[in-house]
Amino acid sequence: MLYLGEQTDRYIIELVALESKRLTEKYNKDFLDCDDLMKITNLGKDNVRAMMHSKGFPLLKVGKRCVVNVSSFADWQIRNTFREV
């Protein structure tokens, strides 16, 4: 993994906190399901399910239901965005 420095780490942590707060307030939930992620990402159900089962995605299985913690999703999304740049 590419290390971008302490200042960048603080920036990412701040972005994750802000995005977590925004998503929690918007969806009024601590955990997001497939339908929520479809709205957030504008991806179809098949693509969201593939994303949820991809390596490194912070998926939680509750019985047969797959969910992701809002903070974990925000962290994953932001860190993967920085990785792609």
PDB file of N, CA and C in Angstrom:
ATOM      1  N   MET A   1       0.842  -1.181   0.000  1.00  0.00           N
ATOM      2  CA  MET A   1       0.000   0.000   0.000  1.00  0.00           C
ATOM      3  C   MET A   1       0.889   1.247   0.000  1.00  0.00           C
ATOM      4  N   LEU A   2       0.505   2.220  -0.762  1.00  0.00           N
ATOM      5  CA  LEU A   2       1.258   3.451  -0.889  1.00  0.00           C
ATOM      6  C   LEU A   2       1.043   4.312   0.347  1.00  0.00           C
ATOM      7  N   TYR A   3       2.163   4.751   0.957  1.00  0.00           N
ATOM      8  CA  TYR A   3       2.067   5.633   2.112  1.00  0.00           C
ATOM      9  C   TYR A   3       2.211   7.062   1.631  1.00  0.00           C
ATOM     10  N   LEU A   4       1.223   7.881   1.931  1.00  0.00           N
ATOM     11  CA  LEU A   4       1.208   9.250   1.426  1.00  0.00           C
ATOM     12  C   LEU A   4       1.612  10.285   2.460  1.00  0.00           C
ATOM     13  N   GLY A   5       1.862   9.863   3.693  1.00  0.00           N
ATOM     14  CA  GLY A   5       2.314  10.797   4.712  1.00  0.00           C
ATOM     15  C   GLY A   5       1.288  11.041   5.794  1.00  0.00           C
ATOM     16  N   GLU A   6       1.801  11.570   6.899  1.00  0.00           N
ATOM     17  CA  GLU A   6       0.963  11.809   8.083  1.00  0.00           C
ATOM     18  C   GLU A   6      -0.141  12.827   7.815  1.00  0.00           C
ATOM     19  N   GLN A   7       0.179  13.873   7.070  1.00  0.00           N
ATOM     20  CA  GLN A   7      -0.825  14.897   6.771  1.00  0.00           C
ATOM     21  C   GLN A   7      -1.968  14.304   5.948  1.00  0.00           C
ATOM     22  N   THR A   8      -1.640  13.453   4.991  1.00  0.00           N
ATOM     23  CA  THR A   8      -2.655  12.799   4.170  1.00  0.00           C
ATOM     24  C   THR A   8      -3.498  11.860   5.021  1.00  0.00           C
ATOM     25  N   ASP A   9      -2.858  11.136   5.955  1.00  0.00           N
ATOM     26  CA  ASP A   9      -3.600  10.253   6.861  1.00  0.00           C
ATOM     27  C   ASP A   9      -4.641  11.037   7.659  1.00  0.00           C
ATOM     28  N   ARG A  10      -4.241  12.191   8.179  1.00  0.00           N
ATOM     29  CA  ARG A  10      -5.193  13.020   8.948  1.00  0.00           C
ATOM     30  C   ARG A  10      -6.334  13.503   8.063  1.00  0.00           C
ATOM     31  N   TYR A  11      -6.009  13.859   6.824  1.00  0.00           N
ATOM     32  CA  TYR A  11      -7.015  14.319   5.873  1.00  0.00           C
ATOM     33  C   TYR A  11      -8.017  13.198   5.579  1.00  0.00           C
ATOM     34  N   ILE A  12      -7.517  11.984   5.374  1.00  0.00           N
ATOM     35  CA  ILE A  12      -8.394  10.843   5.098  1.00  0.00           C
ATOM     36  C   ILE A  12      -9.283  10.560   6.308  1.00  0.00           C
ATOM     37  N   ILE A  13      -8.714  10.598   7.506  1.00  0.00           N
ATOM     38  CA  ILE A  13      -9.500  10.362   8.724  1.00  0.00           C
ATOM     39  C   ILE A  13     -10.609  11.402   8.848  1.00  0.00           C
ATOM     40  N   GLU A  14     -10.299  12.650   8.539  1.00  0.00           N
ATOM     41  CA  GLU A  14     -11.299  13.714   8.593  1.00  0.00           C
ATOM     42  C   GLU A  14     -12.394  13.496   7.544  1.00  0.00           C
ATOM     43  N   LEU A  15     -11.990  13.120   6.329  1.00  0.00           N
ATOM     44  CA  LEU A  15     -12.968  12.839   5.275  1.00  0.00           C
ATOM     45  C   LEU A  15     -13.893  11.685   5.664  1.00  0.00           C
ATOM     46  N   VAL A  16     -13.315  10.627   6.233  1.00  0.00           N
ATOM     47  CA  VAL A  16     -14.107   9.467   6.659  1.00  0.00           C
ATOM     48  C   VAL A  16     -15.120   9.882   7.716  1.00  0.00           C
ATOM     49  N   ALA A  17     -14.701  10.684   8.680  1.00  0.00           N
ATOM     50  CA  ALA A  17     -15.615  11.136   9.742  1.00  0.00           C
ATOM     51  C   ALA A  17     -16.763  11.964   9.164  1.00  0.00           C
ATOM     52  N   LEU A  18     -16.442  12.859   8.251  1.00  0.00           N
ATOM     53  CA  LEU A  18     -17.484  13.702   7.639  1.00  0.00           C
ATOM     54  C   LEU A  18     -18.447  12.874   6.791  1.00  0.00           C
ATOM     55  N   GLU A  19     -17.913  11.953   6.002  1.00  0.00           N
ATOM     56  CA  GLU A  19     -18.769  11.125   5.149  1.00  0.00           C
ATOM     57  C   GLU A  19     -19.628  10.176   5.992  1.00  0.00           C
ATOM     58  N   SER A  20     -19.061   9.640   7.060  1.00  0.00           N
ATOM     59  CA  SER A  20     -19.823   8.767   7.962  1.00  0.00           C
ATOM     60  C   SER A  20     -20.994   9.520   8.570  1.00  0.00           C
ATOM     61  N   LYS A  21     -20.723  10.733   9.024  1.00  0.00           N
ATOM     62  CA  LYS A  21     -21.777  11.558   9.630  1.00  0.00           C
ATOM     63  C   LYS A  21     -22.869  11.862   8.602  1.00  0.00           C
ATOM     64  N   ARG A  22     -22.450  12.226   7.384  1.00  0.00           N
ATOM     65  CA  ARG A  22     -23.423  12.562   6.333  1.00  0.00           C
ATOM     66  C   ARG A  22     -24.317  11.364   6.001  1.00  0.00           C
ATOM     67  N   LEU A  23     -23.705  10.191   5.819  1.00  0.00           N
ATOM     68  CA  LEU A  23     -24.485   9.000   5.469  1.00  0.00           C
ATOM     69  C   LEU A  23     -25.391   8.562   6.613  1.00  0.00           C
ATOM     70  N   THR A  24     -24.892   8.627   7.841  1.00  0.00           N
ATOM     71  CA  THR A  24     -25.699   8.247   9.001  1.00  0.00           C
ATOM     72  C   THR A  24     -26.917   9.155   9.125  1.00  0.00           C
ATOM     73  N   GLU A  25     -26.714  10.450   8.926  1.00  0.00           N
ATOM     74  CA  GLU A  25     -27.834  11.393   9.011  1.00  0.00           C
ATOM     75  C   GLU A  25     -28.800  11.219   7.837  1.00  0.00           C
ATOM     76  N   LYS A  26     -28.275  11.001   6.652  1.00  0.00           N
ATOM     77  CA  LYS A  26     -29.136  10.868   5.471  1.00  0.00           C
ATOM     78  C   LYS A  26     -29.998   9.609   5.528  1.00  0.00           C
ATOM     79  N   TYR A  27     -29.390   8.483   5.913  1.00  0.00           N
ATOM     80  CA  TYR A  27     -30.116   7.209   5.911  1.00  0.00           C
ATOM     81  C   TYR A  27     -30.640   6.821   7.285  1.00  0.00           C
ATOM     82  N   ASN A  28     -30.279   7.574   8.311  1.00  0.00           N
ATOM     83  CA  ASN A  28     -30.740   7.342   9.675  1.00  0.00           C
ATOM     84  C   ASN A  28     -30.473   5.900  10.115  1.00  0.00           C
ATOM     85  N   LYS A  29     -29.275   5.388   9.757  1.00  0.00           N
ATOM     86  CA  LYS A  29     -28.886   4.008  10.056  1.00  0.00           C
ATOM     87  C   LYS A  29     -27.407   3.968  10.394  1.00  0.00           C
ATOM     88  N   ASP A  30     -27.012   2.928  11.123  1.00  0.00           N
ATOM     89  CA  ASP A  30     -25.596   2.678  11.379  1.00  0.00           C
ATOM     90  C   ASP A  30     -25.039   1.637  10.418  1.00  0.00           C
ATOM     91  N   PHE A  31     -25.931   0.880   9.767  1.00  0.00           N
ATOM     92  CA  PHE A  31     -25.528  -0.149   8.819  1.00  0.00           C
ATOM     93  C   PHE A  31     -26.284   0.048   7.515  1.00  0.00           C
ATOM     94  N   LEU A  32     -25.602  -0.181   6.396  1.00  0.00           N
ATOM     95  CA  LEU A  32     -26.196  -0.022   5.070  1.00  0.00           C
ATOM     96  C   LEU A  32     -26.351  -1.385   4.419  1.00  0.00           C
ATOM     97  N   ASP A  33     -27.437  -1.552   3.667  1.00  0.00           N
ATOM     98  CA  ASP A  33     -27.654  -2.803   2.944  1.00  0.00           C
ATOM     99  C   ASP A  33     -27.480  -2.555   1.443  1.00  0.00           C
ATOM    100  N   CYS A  34     -27.758  -3.563   0.664  1.00  0.00           N
ATOM    101  CA  CYS A  34     -27.580  -3.495  -0.785  1.00  0.00           C
ATOM    102  C   CYS A  34     -28.375  -2.339  -1.396  1.00  0.00           C
ATOM    103  N   ASP A  35     -29.616  -2.171  -0.993  1.00  0.00           N
ATOM    104  CA  ASP A  35     -30.445  -1.097  -1.554  1.00  0.00           C
ATOM    105  C   ASP A  35     -29.866   0.284  -1.251  1.00  0.00           C
ATOM    106  N   ASP A  36     -29.360   0.467  -0.022  1.00  0.00           N
ATOM    107  CA  ASP A  36     -28.742   1.747   0.341  1.00  0.00           C
ATOM    108  C   ASP A  36     -27.509   2.008  -0.521  1.00  0.00           C
ATOM    109  N   LEU A  37     -26.681   0.985  -0.689  1.00  0.00           N
ATOM    110  CA  LEU A  37     -25.464   1.141  -1.488  1.00  0.00           C
ATOM    111  C   LEU A  37     -25.782   1.404  -2.952  1.00  0.00           C
ATOM    112  N   MET A  38     -26.889   0.861  -3.456  1.00  0.00           N
ATOM    113  CA  MET A  38     -27.312   1.146  -4.826  1.00  0.00           C
ATOM    114  C   MET A  38     -27.609   2.639  -4.982  1.00  0.00           C
ATOM    115  N   LYS A  39     -28.257   3.225  -3.985  1.00  0.00           N
ATOM    116  CA  LYS A  39     -28.578   4.657  -4.030  1.00  0.00           C
ATOM    117  C   LYS A  39     -27.320   5.509  -3.925  1.00  0.00           C
ATOM    118  N   ILE A  40     -26.402   5.109  -3.044  1.00  0.00           N
ATOM    119  CA  ILE A  40     -25.183   5.889  -2.812  1.00  0.00           C
ATOM    120  C   ILE A  40     -24.263   5.857  -4.026  1.00  0.00           C
ATOM    121  N   THR A  41     -24.091   4.684  -4.624  1.00  0.00           N
ATOM    122  CA  THR A  41     -23.106   4.508  -5.693  1.00  0.00           C
ATOM    123  C   THR A  41     -23.672   4.655  -7.102  1.00  0.00           C
ATOM    124  N   ASN A  42     -24.988   4.625  -7.227  1.00  0.00           N
ATOM    125  CA  ASN A  42     -25.647   4.632  -8.542  1.00  0.00           C
ATOM    126  C   ASN A  42     -25.268   3.416  -9.381  1.00  0.00           C
ATOM    127  N   LEU A  43     -24.999   2.311  -8.703  1.00  0.00           N
ATOM    128  CA  LEU A  43     -24.718   1.048  -9.376  1.00  0.00           C
ATOM    129  C   LEU A  43     -25.949   0.152  -9.302  1.00  0.00           C
ATOM    130  N   GLY A  44     -26.034  -0.805 -10.199  1.00  0.00           N
ATOM    131  CA  GLY A  44     -27.121  -1.768 -10.173  1.00  0.00           C
ATOM    132  C   GLY A  44     -26.891  -2.821  -9.098  1.00  0.00           C
ATOM    133  N   LYS A  45     -27.931  -3.620  -8.846  1.00  0.00           N
ATOM    134  CA  LYS A  45     -27.882  -4.618  -7.788  1.00  0.00           C
ATOM    135  C   LYS A  45     -26.750  -5.630  -7.982  1.00  0.00           C
ATOM    136  N   ASP A  46     -26.563  -6.117  -9.211  1.00  0.00           N
ATOM    137  CA  ASP A  46     -25.499  -7.098  -9.462  1.00  0.00           C
ATOM    138  C   ASP A  46     -24.119  -6.510  -9.181  1.00  0.00           C
ATOM    139  N   ASN A  47     -23.891  -5.263  -9.598  1.00  0.00           N
ATOM    140  CA  ASN A  47     -22.596  -4.623  -9.359  1.00  0.00           C
ATOM    141  C   ASN A  47     -22.367  -4.338  -7.883  1.00  0.00           C
ATOM    142  N   VAL A  48     -23.403  -3.935  -7.173  1.00  0.00           N
ATOM    143  CA  VAL A  48     -23.267  -3.686  -5.735  1.00  0.00           C
ATOM    144  C   VAL A  48     -22.973  -4.991  -5.007  1.00  0.00           C
ATOM    145  N   ARG A  49     -23.657  -6.059  -5.373  1.00  0.00           N
ATOM    146  CA  ARG A  49     -23.384  -7.354  -4.733  1.00  0.00           C
ATOM    147  C   ARG A  49     -21.958  -7.815  -5.015  1.00  0.00           C
ATOM    148  N   ALA A  50     -21.481  -7.599  -6.236  1.00  0.00           N
ATOM    149  CA  ALA A  50     -20.100  -7.952  -6.565  1.00  0.00           C
ATOM    150  C   ALA A  50     -19.120  -7.111  -5.738  1.00  0.00           C
ATOM    151  N   MET A  51     -19.418  -5.823  -5.594  1.00  0.00           N
ATOM    152  CA  MET A  51     -18.582  -4.937  -4.793  1.00  0.00           C
ATOM    153  C   MET A  51     -18.560  -5.400  -3.336  1.00  0.00           C
ATOM    154  N   MET A  52     -19.731  -5.752  -2.811  1.00  0.00           N
ATOM    155  CA  MET A  52     -19.835  -6.168  -1.414  1.00  0.00           C
ATOM    156  C   MET A  52     -19.042  -7.448  -1.139  1.00  0.00           C
ATOM    157  N   HIS A  53     -18.902  -8.296  -2.146  1.00  0.00           N
ATOM    158  CA  HIS A  53     -18.186  -9.551  -1.961  1.00  0.00           C
ATOM    159  C   HIS A  53     -16.747  -9.487  -2.478  1.00  0.00           C
ATOM    160  N   SER A  54     -16.303  -8.286  -2.845  1.00  0.00           N
ATOM    161  CA  SER A  54     -14.929  -8.137  -3.325  1.00  0.00           C
ATOM    162  C   SER A  54     -13.944  -8.166  -2.158  1.00  0.00           C
ATOM    163  N   LYS A  55     -12.707  -8.496  -2.480  1.00  0.00           N
ATOM    164  CA  LYS A  55     -11.652  -8.585  -1.471  1.00  0.00           C
ATOM    165  C   LYS A  55     -11.452  -7.222  -0.805  1.00  0.00           C
ATOM    166  N   GLY A  56     -11.435  -7.219   0.507  1.00  0.00           N
ATOM    167  CA  GLY A  56     -11.185  -5.989   1.253  1.00  0.00           C
ATOM    168  C   GLY A  56     -12.427  -5.200   1.621  1.00  0.00           C
ATOM    169  N   PHE A  57     -13.590  -5.563   1.070  1.00  0.00           N
ATOM    170  CA  PHE A  57     -14.813  -4.838   1.416  1.00  0.00           C
ATOM    171  C   PHE A  57     -15.247  -5.238   2.826  1.00  0.00           C
ATOM    172  N   PRO A  58     -15.606  -4.268   3.670  1.00  0.00           N
ATOM    173  CA  PRO A  58     -15.936  -4.556   5.074  1.00  0.00           C
ATOM    174  C   PRO A  58     -17.352  -5.116   5.275  1.00  0.00           C
ATOM    175  N   LEU A  59     -17.623  -6.241   4.676  1.00  0.00           N
ATOM    176  CA  LEU A  59     -18.950  -6.865   4.702  1.00  0.00           C
ATOM    177  C   LEU A  59     -19.208  -7.572   6.031  1.00  0.00           C
ATOM    178  N   LEU A  60     -20.409  -7.421   6.540  1.00  0.00           N
ATOM    179  CA  LEU A  60     -20.861  -8.164   7.713  1.00  0.00           C
ATOM    180  C   LEU A  60     -22.061  -8.995   7.307  1.00  0.00           C
ATOM    181  N   LYS A  61     -22.056 -10.262   7.681  1.00  0.00           N
ATOM    182  CA  LYS A  61     -23.206 -11.118   7.407  1.00  0.00           C
ATOM    183  C   LYS A  61     -23.977 -11.298   8.704  1.00  0.00           C
ATOM    184  N   VAL A  62     -25.253 -10.976   8.640  1.00  0.00           N
ATOM    185  CA  VAL A  62     -26.155 -11.154   9.771  1.00  0.00           C
ATOM    186  C   VAL A  62     -27.206 -12.149   9.296  1.00  0.00           C
ATOM    187  N   GLY A  63     -26.997 -13.406   9.642  1.00  0.00           N
ATOM    188  CA  GLY A  63     -27.832 -14.455   9.076  1.00  0.00           C
ATOM    189  C   GLY A  63     -27.545 -14.528   7.585  1.00  0.00           C
ATOM    190  N   LYS A  64     -28.572 -14.376   6.774  1.00  0.00           N
ATOM    191  CA  LYS A  64     -28.397 -14.356   5.320  1.00  0.00           C
ATOM    192  C   LYS A  64     -28.240 -12.935   4.785  1.00  0.00           C
ATOM    193  N   ARG A  65     -28.431 -11.967   5.655  1.00  0.00           N
ATOM    194  CA  ARG A  65     -28.397 -10.561   5.251  1.00  0.00           C
ATOM    195  C   ARG A  65     -26.962 -10.031   5.258  1.00  0.00           C
ATOM    196  N   CYS A  66     -26.603  -9.300   4.217  1.00  0.00           N
ATOM    197  CA  CYS A  66     -25.284  -8.684   4.108  1.00  0.00           C
ATOM    198  C   CYS A  66     -25.422  -7.180   4.321  1.00  0.00           C
ATOM    199  N   VAL A  67     -24.638  -6.649   5.248  1.00  0.00           N
ATOM    200  CA  VAL A  67     -24.662  -5.218   5.547  1.00  0.00           C
ATOM    201  C   VAL A  67     -23.232  -4.728   5.724  1.00  0.00           C
ATOM    202  N   VAL A  68     -23.086  -3.417   5.769  1.00  0.00           N
ATOM    203  CA  VAL A  68     -21.787  -2.799   6.018  1.00  0.00           C
ATOM    204  C   VAL A  68     -21.998  -1.636   6.977  1.00  0.00           C
ATOM    205  N   ASN A  69     -21.091  -1.512   7.945  1.00  0.00           N
ATOM    206  CA  ASN A  69     -21.125  -0.390   8.874  1.00  0.00           C
ATOM    207  C   ASN A  69     -20.852   0.893   8.089  1.00  0.00           C
ATOM    208  N   VAL A  70     -21.566   1.956   8.413  1.00  0.00           N
ATOM    209  CA  VAL A  70     -21.439   3.218   7.682  1.00  0.00           C
ATOM    210  C   VAL A  70     -20.000   3.730   7.728  1.00  0.00           C
ATOM    211  N   SER A  71     -19.389   3.730   8.893  1.00  0.00           N
ATOM    212  CA  SER A  71     -18.016   4.222   9.025  1.00  0.00           C
ATOM    213  C   SER A  71     -17.036   3.353   8.243  1.00  0.00           C
ATOM    214  N   SER A  72     -17.222   2.048   8.298  1.00  0.00           N
ATOM    215  CA  SER A  72     -16.340   1.138   7.559  1.00  0.00           C
ATOM    216  C   SER A  72     -16.486   1.339   6.056  1.00  0.00           C
ATOM    217  N   PHE A  73     -17.726   1.554   5.594  1.00  0.00           N
ATOM    218  CA  PHE A  73     -17.946   1.791   4.170  1.00  0.00           C
ATOM    219  C   PHE A  73     -17.292   3.095   3.741  1.00  0.00           C
ATOM    220  N   ALA A  74     -17.469   4.159   4.525  1.00  0.00           N
ATOM    221  CA  ALA A  74     -16.875   5.454   4.179  1.00  0.00           C
ATOM    222  C   ALA A  74     -15.353   5.334   4.117  1.00  0.00           C
ATOM    223  N   ASP A  75     -14.767   4.629   5.070  1.00  0.00           N
ATOM    224  CA  ASP A  75     -13.323   4.422   5.088  1.00  0.00           C
ATOM    225  C   ASP A  75     -12.872   3.641   3.852  1.00  0.00           C
ATOM    226  N   TRP A  76     -13.559   2.563   3.552  1.00  0.00           N
ATOM    227  CA  TRP A  76     -13.227   1.735   2.389  1.00  0.00           C
ATOM    228  C   TRP A  76     -13.337   2.552   1.104  1.00  0.00           C
ATOM    229  N   GLN A  77     -14.435   3.292   0.980  1.00  0.00           N
ATOM    230  CA  GLN A  77     -14.685   4.073  -0.234  1.00  0.00           C
ATOM    231  C   GLN A  77     -13.605   5.138  -0.440  1.00  0.00           C
ATOM    232  N   ILE A  78     -13.280   5.862   0.605  1.00  0.00           N
ATOM    233  CA  ILE A  78     -12.312   6.951   0.485  1.00  0.00           C
ATOM    234  C   ILE A  78     -10.906   6.402   0.252  1.00  0.00           C
ATOM    235  N   ARG A  79     -10.530   5.373   0.987  1.00  0.00           N
ATOM    236  CA  ARG A  79      -9.181   4.809   0.808  1.00  0.00           C
ATOM    237  C   ARG A  79      -9.020   4.174  -0.575  1.00  0.00           C
ATOM    238  N   ASN A  80     -10.069   3.590  -1.097  1.00  0.00           N
ATOM    239  CA  ASN A  80      -9.989   3.013  -2.442  1.00  0.00           C
ATOM    240  C   ASN A  80      -9.979   4.102  -3.510  1.00  0.00           C
ATOM    241  N   THR A  81     -10.610   5.220  -3.231  1.00  0.00           N
ATOM    242  CA  THR A  81     -10.567   6.349  -4.157  1.00  0.00           C
ATOM    243  C   THR A  81      -9.144   6.901  -4.232  1.00  0.00           C
ATOM    244  N   PHE A  82      -8.482   7.044  -3.074  1.00  0.00           N
ATOM    245  CA  PHE A  82      -7.114   7.538  -3.058  1.00  0.00           C
ATOM    246  C   PHE A  82      -6.170   6.551  -3.740  1.00  0.00           C
ATOM    247  N   ARG A  83      -6.447   5.277  -3.592  1.00  0.00           N
ATOM    248  CA  ARG A  83      -5.592   4.249  -4.206  1.00  0.00           C
ATOM    249  C   ARG A  83      -5.661   4.324  -5.727  1.00  0.00           C
ATOM    250  N   GLU A  84      -6.845   4.657  -6.270  1.00  0.00           N
ATOM    251  CA  GLU A  84      -7.052   4.681  -7.715  1.00  0.00           C
ATOM    252  C   GLU A  84      -6.430   5.916  -8.362  1.00  0.00           C
ATOM    253  N   VAL A  85      -6.248   6.991  -7.596  1.00  0.00           N
ATOM    254  CA  VAL A  85      -5.748   8.263  -8.159  1.00  0.00           C
ATOM    255  C   VAL A  85      -4.294   8.171  -8.485  1.00  0.00           C
TER     256      VAL A  85
END
